[in-house]
Amino acid sequence: TKDYFSYFRSSNDDKDHDIFLKIAEDFYSY
């Protein structure tokens, strides 16, 4: 579910992964 994006980001310290997860969450909502 959508709240998993927050979990993914909290367990991640890769800036580029964070950018992708931000895009993916935005697209998921869209």
ModelCIF file with pLDDT and N, C-alpha, C, O atoms, coordinates in Angstrom:
data_MODEL
#
_entry.id   MODEL 
#
_entity.id                         1 
_entity.type                       polymer 
_entity.pdbx_number_of_molecules   1 
#
_entity_poly.entity_id                      1 
_entity_poly.type                           'polypeptide(L)' 
_entity_poly.nstd_linkage                   no 
_entity_poly.nstd_monomer                   no 
_entity_poly.pdbx_seq_one_letter_code       TKDYFSYFRSSNDDKDHDIFLKIAEDFYSY 
_entity_poly.pdbx_seq_one_letter_code_can   TKDYFSYFRSSNDDKDHDIFLKIAEDFYSY 
_entity_poly.pdbx_strand_id                 A 
#
loop_
_entity_poly_seq.entity_id 
_entity_poly_seq.num 
_entity_poly_seq.mon_id 
_entity_poly_seq.hetero 
1 1  THR n 
1 2  LYS n 
1 3  ASP n 
1 4  TYR n 
1 5  PHE n 
1 6  SER n 
1 7  TYR n 
1 8  PHE n 
1 9  ARG n 
1 10 SER n 
1 11 SER n 
1 12 ASN n 
1 13 ASP n 
1 14 ASP n 
1 15 LYS n 
1 16 ASP n 
1 17 HIS n 
1 18 ASP n 
1 19 ILE n 
1 20 PHE n 
1 21 LEU n 
1 22 LYS n 
1 23 ILE n 
1 24 ALA n 
1 25 GLU n 
1 26 ASP n 
1 27 PHE n 
1 28 TYR n 
1 29 SER n 
1 30 TYR n 
#
_struct_asym.id          A 
_struct_asym.entity_id   1 
#
loop_
_ma_qa_metric.id 
_ma_qa_metric.mode 
_ma_qa_metric.name 
_ma_qa_metric.software_group_id 
_ma_qa_metric.type 
1 global pLDDT . pLDDT 
2 local  pLDDT . pLDDT 
#
_ma_qa_metric_global.metric_id      1 
_ma_qa_metric_global.metric_value   89.80 
_ma_qa_metric_global.model_id       1 
_ma_qa_metric_global.ordinal_id     1 
#
loop_
_ma_qa_metric_local.label_asym_id 
_ma_qa_metric_local.label_comp_id 
_ma_qa_metric_local.label_seq_id 
_ma_qa_metric_local.metric_id 
_ma_qa_metric_local.metric_value 
_ma_qa_metric_local.model_id 
_ma_qa_metric_local.ordinal_id 
A THR 1  2 90.00 1 1  
A LYS 2  2 92.00 1 2  
A ASP 3  2 92.00 1 3  
A TYR 4  2 93.00 1 4  
A PHE 5  2 92.00 1 5  
A SER 6  2 90.00 1 6  
A TYR 7  2 91.00 1 7  
A PHE 8  2 90.00 1 8  
A ARG 9  2 87.00 1 9  
A SER 10 2 86.00 1 10 
A SER 11 2 80.00 1 11 
A ASN 12 2 77.00 1 12 
A ASP 13 2 77.00 1 13 
A ASP 14 2 81.00 1 14 
A LYS 15 2 83.00 1 15 
A ASP 16 2 83.00 1 16 
A HIS 17 2 89.00 1 17 
A ASP 18 2 90.00 1 18 
A ILE 19 2 91.00 1 19 
A PHE 20 2 92.00 1 20 
A LEU 21 2 93.00 1 21 
A LYS 22 2 94.00 1 22 
A ILE 23 2 94.00 1 23 
A ALA 24 2 94.00 1 24 
A GLU 25 2 95.00 1 25 
A ASP 26 2 95.00 1 26 
A PHE 27 2 96.00 1 27 
A TYR 28 2 96.00 1 28 
A SER 29 2 96.00 1 29 
A TYR 30 2 95.00 1 30 
#
loop_
_atom_site.group_PDB 
_atom_site.id 
_atom_site.type_symbol 
_atom_site.label_atom_id 
_atom_site.label_alt_id 
_atom_site.label_comp_id 
_atom_site.label_asym_id 
_atom_site.label_entity_id 
_atom_site.label_seq_id 
_atom_site.pdbx_PDB_ins_code 
_atom_site.Cartn_x 
_atom_site.Cartn_y 
_atom_site.Cartn_z 
_atom_site.occupancy 
_atom_site.B_iso_or_equiv 
_atom_site.pdbx_formal_charge 
_atom_site.auth_seq_id 
_atom_site.auth_comp_id 
_atom_site.auth_asym_id 
_atom_site.auth_atom_id 
_atom_site.pdbx_PDB_model_num 
ATOM 1   N N  . THR A 1 1  ? 0.845  -1.185 0.000   1.00 90.00 ? 1  THR A N  1 
ATOM 2   C CA . THR A 1 1  ? 0.000  0.000  0.000   1.00 90.00 ? 1  THR A CA 1 
ATOM 3   C C  . THR A 1 1  ? 0.887  1.244  0.000   1.00 90.00 ? 1  THR A C  1 
ATOM 4   O O  . THR A 1 1  ? 2.102  1.151  0.171   1.00 90.00 ? 1  THR A O  1 
ATOM 5   N N  . LYS A 1 2  ? 0.263  2.412  -0.194  1.00 92.00 ? 2  LYS A N  1 
ATOM 6   C CA . LYS A 1 2  ? 1.035  3.635  -0.407  1.00 92.00 ? 2  LYS A CA 1 
ATOM 7   C C  . LYS A 1 2  ? 1.971  3.959  0.750   1.00 92.00 ? 2  LYS A C  1 
ATOM 8   O O  . LYS A 1 2  ? 3.021  4.564  0.534   1.00 92.00 ? 2  LYS A O  1 
ATOM 9   N N  . ASP A 1 3  ? 1.615  3.570  1.974   1.00 92.00 ? 3  ASP A N  1 
ATOM 10  C CA . ASP A 1 3  ? 2.471  3.894  3.114   1.00 92.00 ? 3  ASP A CA 1 
ATOM 11  C C  . ASP A 1 3  ? 3.812  3.174  3.069   1.00 92.00 ? 3  ASP A C  1 
ATOM 12  O O  . ASP A 1 3  ? 4.731  3.526  3.809   1.00 92.00 ? 3  ASP A O  1 
ATOM 13  N N  . TYR A 1 4  ? 3.934  2.154  2.195   1.00 93.00 ? 4  TYR A N  1 
ATOM 14  C CA . TYR A 1 4  ? 5.211  1.459  2.061   1.00 93.00 ? 4  TYR A CA 1 
ATOM 15  C C  . TYR A 1 4  ? 6.291  2.367  1.478   1.00 93.00 ? 4  TYR A C  1 
ATOM 16  O O  . TYR A 1 4  ? 7.479  2.145  1.713   1.00 93.00 ? 4  TYR A O  1 
ATOM 17  N N  . PHE A 1 5  ? 5.890  3.387  0.720   1.00 92.00 ? 5  PHE A N  1 
ATOM 18  C CA . PHE A 1 5  ? 6.892  4.298  0.168   1.00 92.00 ? 5  PHE A CA 1 
ATOM 19  C C  . PHE A 1 5  ? 7.672  4.980  1.284   1.00 92.00 ? 5  PHE A C  1 
ATOM 20  O O  . PHE A 1 5  ? 8.887  5.149  1.187   1.00 92.00 ? 5  PHE A O  1 
ATOM 21  N N  . SER A 1 6  ? 6.973  5.369  2.338   1.00 90.00 ? 6  SER A N  1 
ATOM 22  C CA . SER A 1 6  ? 7.646  5.991  3.482   1.00 90.00 ? 6  SER A CA 1 
ATOM 23  C C  . SER A 1 6  ? 8.599  5.002  4.136   1.00 90.00 ? 6  SER A C  1 
ATOM 24  O O  . SER A 1 6  ? 9.703  5.363  4.544   1.00 90.00 ? 6  SER A O  1 
ATOM 25  N N  . TYR A 1 7  ? 8.163  3.757  4.231   1.00 91.00 ? 7  TYR A N  1 
ATOM 26  C CA . TYR A 1 7  ? 9.017  2.724  4.813   1.00 91.00 ? 7  TYR A CA 1 
ATOM 27  C C  . TYR A 1 7  ? 10.268 2.509  3.957   1.00 91.00 ? 7  TYR A C  1 
ATOM 28  O O  . TYR A 1 7  ? 11.375 2.404  4.486   1.00 91.00 ? 7  TYR A O  1 
ATOM 29  N N  . PHE A 1 8  ? 10.090 2.445  2.641   1.00 90.00 ? 8  PHE A N  1 
ATOM 30  C CA . PHE A 1 8  ? 11.238 2.266  1.750   1.00 90.00 ? 8  PHE A CA 1 
ATOM 31  C C  . PHE A 1 8  ? 12.241 3.400  1.925   1.00 90.00 ? 8  PHE A C  1 
ATOM 32  O O  . PHE A 1 8  ? 13.448 3.170  2.003   1.00 90.00 ? 8  PHE A O  1 
ATOM 33  N N  . ARG A 1 9  ? 11.731 4.621  1.985   1.00 87.00 ? 9  ARG A N  1 
ATOM 34  C CA . ARG A 1 9  ? 12.635 5.769  2.099   1.00 87.00 ? 9  ARG A CA 1 
ATOM 35  C C  . ARG A 1 9  ? 13.333 5.805  3.462   1.00 87.00 ? 9  ARG A C  1 
ATOM 36  O O  . ARG A 1 9  ? 14.488 6.219  3.561   1.00 87.00 ? 9  ARG A O  1 
ATOM 37  N N  . SER A 1 10 ? 12.636 5.378  4.493   1.00 86.00 ? 10 SER A N  1 
ATOM 38  C CA . SER A 1 10 ? 13.238 5.401  5.834   1.00 86.00 ? 10 SER A CA 1 
ATOM 39  C C  . SER A 1 10 ? 14.361 4.373  5.961   1.00 86.00 ? 10 SER A C  1 
ATOM 40  O O  . SER A 1 10 ? 15.253 4.526  6.796   1.00 86.00 ? 10 SER A O  1 
ATOM 41  N N  . SER A 1 11 ? 14.318 3.335  5.141   1.00 80.00 ? 11 SER A N  1 
ATOM 42  C CA . SER A 1 11 ? 15.355 2.291  5.200   1.00 80.00 ? 11 SER A CA 1 
ATOM 43  C C  . SER A 1 11 ? 16.408 2.480  4.118   1.00 80.00 ? 11 SER A C  1 
ATOM 44  O O  . SER A 1 11 ? 17.193 1.572  3.844   1.00 80.00 ? 11 SER A O  1 
ATOM 45  N N  . ASN A 1 12 ? 16.426 3.668  3.500   1.00 77.00 ? 12 ASN A N  1 
ATOM 46  C CA . ASN A 1 12 ? 17.302 3.914  2.362   1.00 77.00 ? 12 ASN A CA 1 
ATOM 47  C C  . ASN A 1 12 ? 18.165 5.143  2.611   1.00 77.00 ? 12 ASN A C  1 
ATOM 48  O O  . ASN A 1 12 ? 17.686 6.161  3.112   1.00 77.00 ? 12 ASN A O  1 
ATOM 49  N N  . ASP A 1 13 ? 19.447 5.037  2.253   1.00 77.00 ? 13 ASP A N  1 
ATOM 50  C CA . ASP A 1 13 ? 20.330 6.194  2.382   1.00 77.00 ? 13 ASP A CA 1 
ATOM 51  C C  . ASP A 1 13 ? 20.975 6.556  1.042   1.00 77.00 ? 13 ASP A C  1 
ATOM 52  O O  . ASP A 1 13 ? 22.012 7.217  1.002   1.00 77.00 ? 13 ASP A O  1 
ATOM 53  N N  . ASP A 1 14 ? 20.358 6.120  -0.038  1.00 81.00 ? 14 ASP A N  1 
ATOM 54  C CA . ASP A 1 14 ? 20.851 6.394  -1.386  1.00 81.00 ? 14 ASP A CA 1 
ATOM 55  C C  . ASP A 1 14 ? 20.044 7.541  -1.973  1.00 81.00 ? 14 ASP A C  1 
ATOM 56  O O  . ASP A 1 14 ? 18.831 7.419  -2.148  1.00 81.00 ? 14 ASP A O  1 
ATOM 57  N N  . LYS A 1 15 ? 20.697 8.646  -2.277  1.00 83.00 ? 15 LYS A N  1 
ATOM 58  C CA . LYS A 1 15 ? 20.006 9.832  -2.780  1.00 83.00 ? 15 LYS A CA 1 
ATOM 59  C C  . LYS A 1 15 ? 19.241 9.535  -4.063  1.00 83.00 ? 15 LYS A C  1 
ATOM 60  O O  . LYS A 1 15 ? 18.106 9.982  -4.233  1.00 83.00 ? 15 LYS A O  1 
ATOM 61  N N  . ASP A 1 16 ? 19.863 8.782  -4.964  1.00 83.00 ? 16 ASP A N  1 
ATOM 62  C CA . ASP A 1 16 ? 19.218 8.504  -6.246  1.00 83.00 ? 16 ASP A CA 1 
ATOM 63  C C  . ASP A 1 16 ? 18.026 7.565  -6.088  1.00 83.00 ? 16 ASP A C  1 
ATOM 64  O O  . ASP A 1 16 ? 17.030 7.697  -6.800  1.00 83.00 ? 16 ASP A O  1 
ATOM 65  N N  . HIS A 1 17 ? 18.128 6.613  -5.151  1.00 89.00 ? 17 HIS A N  1 
ATOM 66  C CA . HIS A 1 17 ? 16.971 5.780  -4.845  1.00 89.00 ? 17 HIS A CA 1 
ATOM 67  C C  . HIS A 1 17 ? 15.835 6.646  -4.312  1.00 89.00 ? 17 HIS A C  1 
ATOM 68  O O  . HIS A 1 17 ? 14.669 6.444  -4.652  1.00 89.00 ? 17 HIS A O  1 
ATOM 69  N N  . ASP A 1 18 ? 16.193 7.603  -3.480  1.00 90.00 ? 18 ASP A N  1 
ATOM 70  C CA . ASP A 1 18 ? 15.169 8.488  -2.893  1.00 90.00 ? 18 ASP A CA 1 
ATOM 71  C C  . ASP A 1 18 ? 14.446 9.275  -3.980  1.00 90.00 ? 18 ASP A C  1 
ATOM 72  O O  . ASP A 1 18 ? 13.231 9.461  -3.915  1.00 90.00 ? 18 ASP A O  1 
ATOM 73  N N  . ILE A 1 19 ? 15.189 9.732  -4.970  1.00 91.00 ? 19 ILE A N  1 
ATOM 74  C CA . ILE A 1 19 ? 14.576 10.459 -6.092  1.00 91.00 ? 19 ILE A CA 1 
ATOM 75  C C  . ILE A 1 19 ? 13.598 9.548  -6.820  1.00 91.00 ? 19 ILE A C  1 
ATOM 76  O O  . ILE A 1 19 ? 12.474 9.948  -7.125  1.00 91.00 ? 19 ILE A O  1 
ATOM 77  N N  . PHE A 1 20 ? 14.032 8.313  -7.097  1.00 92.00 ? 20 PHE A N  1 
ATOM 78  C CA . PHE A 1 20 ? 13.148 7.393  -7.816  1.00 92.00 ? 20 PHE A CA 1 
ATOM 79  C C  . PHE A 1 20 ? 11.897 7.079  -7.001  1.00 92.00 ? 20 PHE A C  1 
ATOM 80  O O  . PHE A 1 20 ? 10.789 7.072  -7.538  1.00 92.00 ? 20 PHE A O  1 
ATOM 81  N N  . LEU A 1 21 ? 12.069 6.820  -5.709  1.00 93.00 ? 21 LEU A N  1 
ATOM 82  C CA . LEU A 1 21 ? 10.917 6.491  -4.865  1.00 93.00 ? 21 LEU A CA 1 
ATOM 83  C C  . LEU A 1 21 ? 9.928  7.647  -4.808  1.00 93.00 ? 21 LEU A C  1 
ATOM 84  O O  . LEU A 1 21 ? 8.717  7.434  -4.746  1.00 93.00 ? 21 LEU A O  1 
ATOM 85  N N  . LYS A 1 22 ? 10.444 8.866  -4.829  1.00 94.00 ? 22 LYS A N  1 
ATOM 86  C CA . LYS A 1 22 ? 9.577  10.049 -4.865  1.00 94.00 ? 22 LYS A CA 1 
ATOM 87  C C  . LYS A 1 22 ? 8.763  10.066 -6.155  1.00 94.00 ? 22 LYS A C  1 
ATOM 88  O O  . LYS A 1 22 ? 7.557  10.314 -6.133  1.00 94.00 ? 22 LYS A O  1 
ATOM 89  N N  . ILE A 1 23 ? 9.428  9.801  -7.280  1.00 94.00 ? 23 ILE A N  1 
ATOM 90  C CA . ILE A 1 23 ? 8.749  9.755  -8.581  1.00 94.00 ? 23 ILE A CA 1 
ATOM 91  C C  . ILE A 1 23 ? 7.730  8.619  -8.603  1.00 94.00 ? 23 ILE A C  1 
ATOM 92  O O  . ILE A 1 23 ? 6.592  8.799  -9.038  1.00 94.00 ? 23 ILE A O  1 
ATOM 93  N N  . ALA A 1 24 ? 8.155  7.439  -8.125  1.00 94.00 ? 24 ALA A N  1 
ATOM 94  C CA . ALA A 1 24 ? 7.280  6.265  -8.151  1.00 94.00 ? 24 ALA A CA 1 
ATOM 95  C C  . ALA A 1 24 ? 6.027  6.480  -7.307  1.00 94.00 ? 24 ALA A C  1 
ATOM 96  O O  . ALA A 1 24 ? 4.935  6.077  -7.709  1.00 94.00 ? 24 ALA A O  1 
ATOM 97  N N  . GLU A 1 25 ? 6.171  7.112  -6.140  1.00 95.00 ? 25 GLU A N  1 
ATOM 98  C CA . GLU A 1 25 ? 5.006  7.378  -5.291  1.00 95.00 ? 25 GLU A CA 1 
ATOM 99  C C  . GLU A 1 25 ? 4.059  8.347  -5.973  1.00 95.00 ? 25 GLU A C  1 
ATOM 100 O O  . GLU A 1 25 ? 2.841  8.171  -5.934  1.00 95.00 ? 25 GLU A O  1 
ATOM 101 N N  . ASP A 1 26 ? 4.627  9.374  -6.601  1.00 95.00 ? 26 ASP A N  1 
ATOM 102 C CA . ASP A 1 26 ? 3.797  10.356 -7.302  1.00 95.00 ? 26 ASP A CA 1 
ATOM 103 C C  . ASP A 1 26 ? 3.053  9.688  -8.462  1.00 95.00 ? 26 ASP A C  1 
ATOM 104 O O  . ASP A 1 26 ? 1.865  9.934  -8.669  1.00 95.00 ? 26 ASP A O  1 
ATOM 105 N N  . PHE A 1 27 ? 3.757  8.848  -9.209  1.00 96.00 ? 27 PHE A N  1 
ATOM 106 C CA . PHE A 1 27 ? 3.097  8.172  -10.324 1.00 96.00 ? 27 PHE A CA 1 
ATOM 107 C C  . PHE A 1 27 ? 2.059  7.168  -9.826  1.00 96.00 ? 27 PHE A C  1 
ATOM 108 O O  . PHE A 1 27 ? 0.989  7.035  -10.419 1.00 96.00 ? 27 PHE A O  1 
ATOM 109 N N  . TYR A 1 28 ? 2.374  6.459  -8.732  1.00 96.00 ? 28 TYR A N  1 
ATOM 110 C CA . TYR A 1 28 ? 1.419  5.492  -8.179  1.00 96.00 ? 28 TYR A CA 1 
ATOM 111 C C  . TYR A 1 28 ? 0.086  6.175  -7.872  1.00 96.00 ? 28 TYR A C  1 
ATOM 112 O O  . TYR A 1 28 ? -0.976 5.640  -8.189  1.00 96.00 ? 28 TYR A O  1 
ATOM 113 N N  . SER A 1 29 ? 0.144  7.359  -7.253  1.00 96.00 ? 29 SER A N  1 
ATOM 114 C CA . SER A 1 29 ? -1.083 8.111  -6.951  1.00 96.00 ? 29 SER A CA 1 
ATOM 115 C C  . SER A 1 29 ? -1.803 8.496  -8.235  1.00 96.00 ? 29 SER A C  1 
ATOM 116 O O  . SER A 1 29 ? -3.023 8.370  -8.341  1.00 96.00 ? 29 SER A O  1 
ATOM 117 N N  . TYR A 1 30 ? -1.033 8.966  -9.204  1.00 95.00 ? 30 TYR A N  1 
ATOM 118 C CA . TYR A 1 30 ? -1.614 9.362  -10.490 1.00 95.00 ? 30 TYR A CA 1 
ATOM 119 C C  . TYR A 1 30 ? -2.254 8.149  -11.178 1.00 95.00 ? 30 TYR A C  1 
ATOM 120 O O  . TYR A 1 30 ? -2.798 8.277  -12.275 1.00 95.00 ? 30 TYR A O  1 
#
